[in-house]
Amino acid sequence: MRYYPIFLDLQARSCLVVGGGEVAERKVHSLLQAGGQVTVISPTLTPQLHSWSAERRIFAQLRPYETGDLTGFMLVFAATDDEALQQRIAVEAREVGILVNVVDRPALCSFIVPAMVALCIR
């Protein structure tokens, strides 16, 4: 068994999402639902991420990721389509001991997130 099943209490914990597209938006949404304090770093954002930033539900930095941006965070999601950047984030996270999830790249992850199914009861 490579992964140990665990649930994290993210209430008021600093969480970073690198990327501003639809996948990043889904990760941000789940982090907000868990009470995380979310920062997004990306040159561009979806309309929903812009809205959450304007409402001060998240903190957005509209710029590319830079080495050292992981400082102070409990975990990071790399949700970009830039393979080299995702690799760089994974390496840096391991070096500084931060939990990292590189979306759709389990080999680069220190944690994975199970698929979520929403049930509609009528």
Protein backbone atom coordinates (compact mmCIF):
# COMPACT_ATOMS: atom_id res chain seq x y z
CA MET A 1 0.00 0.00 0.00
CA ARG A 2 1.72 3.19 -1.18
CA TYR A 3 -0.74 5.72 0.27
CA TYR A 4 -1.97 5.90 3.84
CA PRO A 5 -5.66 6.89 4.05
CA ILE A 6 -6.06 10.08 6.04
CA PHE A 7 -8.49 12.98 6.47
CA LEU A 8 -6.92 16.39 7.08
CA ASP A 9 -8.39 19.15 9.21
CA LEU A 10 -7.79 22.17 7.00
CA GLN A 11 -9.76 24.64 9.11
CA ALA A 12 -7.78 27.91 8.94
CA ARG A 13 -4.77 26.15 7.36
CA SER A 14 -2.81 27.84 4.59
CA CYS A 15 -3.28 26.03 1.29
CA LEU A 16 -1.78 26.96 -2.08
CA VAL A 17 -3.14 26.22 -5.53
CA VAL A 18 -0.85 26.93 -8.47
CA GLY A 19 -2.97 27.37 -11.58
CA GLY A 20 -6.06 29.35 -12.43
CA GLY A 21 -8.12 27.13 -14.73
CA GLU A 22 -11.13 24.88 -14.22
CA VAL A 23 -9.18 22.12 -12.46
CA ALA A 24 -7.65 24.67 -10.06
CA GLU A 25 -11.14 26.08 -9.47
CA ARG A 26 -12.42 22.64 -8.41
CA LYS A 27 -9.48 22.21 -6.02
CA VAL A 28 -10.06 25.67 -4.54
CA HIS A 29 -13.76 24.92 -4.08
CA SER A 30 -13.05 21.74 -2.12
CA LEU A 31 -10.41 23.50 0.01
CA LEU A 32 -12.88 26.29 0.82
CA GLN A 33 -15.51 23.70 1.77
CA ALA A 34 -12.99 22.22 4.21
CA GLY A 35 -12.28 25.63 5.75
CA GLY A 36 -8.84 26.13 4.22
CA GLN A 37 -7.29 29.56 3.76
CA VAL A 38 -6.56 29.46 0.05
CA THR A 39 -4.00 31.33 -2.01
CA VAL A 40 -3.97 30.95 -5.79
CA ILE A 41 -0.94 31.82 -7.89
CA SER A 42 -1.58 32.10 -11.62
CA PRO A 43 -1.28 34.73 -14.34
CA THR A 44 -4.94 34.07 -15.26
CA LEU A 45 -8.06 33.02 -13.32
CA THR A 46 -11.46 31.61 -14.17
CA PRO A 47 -14.39 33.98 -13.62
CA GLN A 48 -15.30 32.05 -10.44
CA LEU A 49 -11.79 32.36 -9.01
CA HIS A 50 -11.90 36.10 -9.79
CA SER A 51 -15.22 36.31 -7.96
CA TRP A 52 -13.89 34.48 -4.89
CA SER A 53 -10.89 36.79 -4.89
CA ALA A 54 -13.10 39.90 -5.11
CA GLU A 55 -15.20 38.52 -2.23
CA ARG A 56 -11.96 37.93 -0.28
CA ARG A 57 -12.74 34.22 0.04
CA ILE A 58 -9.33 33.51 -1.50
CA PHE A 59 -6.12 35.47 -1.97
CA ALA A 60 -5.04 35.59 -5.61
CA GLN A 61 -1.61 36.52 -6.90
CA LEU A 62 -1.88 37.19 -10.63
CA ARG A 63 1.61 36.15 -11.67
CA PRO A 64 3.63 33.07 -12.53
CA TYR A 65 4.83 30.72 -9.78
CA GLU A 66 8.29 31.48 -8.41
CA THR A 67 10.69 29.30 -6.44
CA GLY A 68 10.09 29.98 -2.75
CA ASP A 69 6.32 30.52 -3.09
CA LEU A 70 5.64 27.40 -0.98
CA THR A 71 6.90 29.04 2.20
CA GLY A 72 4.25 29.10 4.91
CA PHE A 73 1.80 26.67 3.30
CA MET A 74 0.64 23.31 4.68
CA LEU A 75 -0.07 21.83 1.26
CA VAL A 76 0.00 22.70 -2.41
CA PHE A 77 -1.98 21.62 -5.44
CA ALA A 78 -0.16 22.00 -8.77
CA ALA A 79 -3.01 22.38 -11.24
CA THR A 80 -1.38 23.68 -14.40
CA ASP A 81 -0.83 22.32 -17.88
CA ASP A 82 2.90 23.10 -17.66
CA GLU A 83 4.66 19.75 -17.08
CA ALA A 84 8.03 21.35 -16.24
CA LEU A 85 6.44 23.68 -13.69
CA GLN A 86 4.52 20.84 -12.07
CA GLN A 87 7.73 18.82 -11.77
CA ARG A 88 9.50 21.85 -10.24
CA ILE A 89 6.71 22.37 -7.68
CA ALA A 90 6.76 18.67 -6.72
CA VAL A 91 10.54 18.69 -6.19
CA GLU A 92 10.45 21.92 -4.19
CA ALA A 93 7.57 20.67 -2.03
CA ARG A 94 9.44 17.48 -1.18
CA GLU A 95 12.58 19.47 -0.36
CA VAL A 96 10.75 21.73 2.11
CA GLY A 97 8.43 19.03 3.51
CA ILE A 98 5.09 20.32 2.22
CA LEU A 99 2.34 17.97 1.09
CA VAL A 100 1.95 18.16 -2.70
CA ASN A 101 -0.65 16.98 -5.15
CA VAL A 102 0.15 17.33 -8.83
CA VAL A 103 -3.20 16.90 -10.54
CA ASP A 104 -3.34 13.75 -12.69
CA ARG A 105 0.30 12.88 -11.93
CA PRO A 106 0.22 10.48 -8.95
CA ALA A 107 3.91 9.66 -9.32
CA LEU A 108 4.70 13.26 -8.36
CA CYS A 109 2.26 13.39 -5.42
CA SER A 110 2.86 12.98 -1.71
CA PHE A 111 -0.94 12.69 -1.35
CA ILE A 112 -3.81 11.87 -3.66
CA VAL A 113 -7.45 12.90 -3.50
CA PRO A 114 -10.22 10.37 -4.11
CA ALA A 115 -12.90 11.04 -6.67
CA MET A 116 -15.95 12.73 -5.18
CA VAL A 117 -19.47 11.75 -6.21
CA ALA A 118 -22.36 14.09 -5.50
CA LEU A 119 -25.65 12.40 -4.78
CA CYS A 120 -28.94 14.01 -5.62
CA ILE A 121 -31.83 12.68 -3.56
CA ARG A 122 -35.29 13.57 -4.73
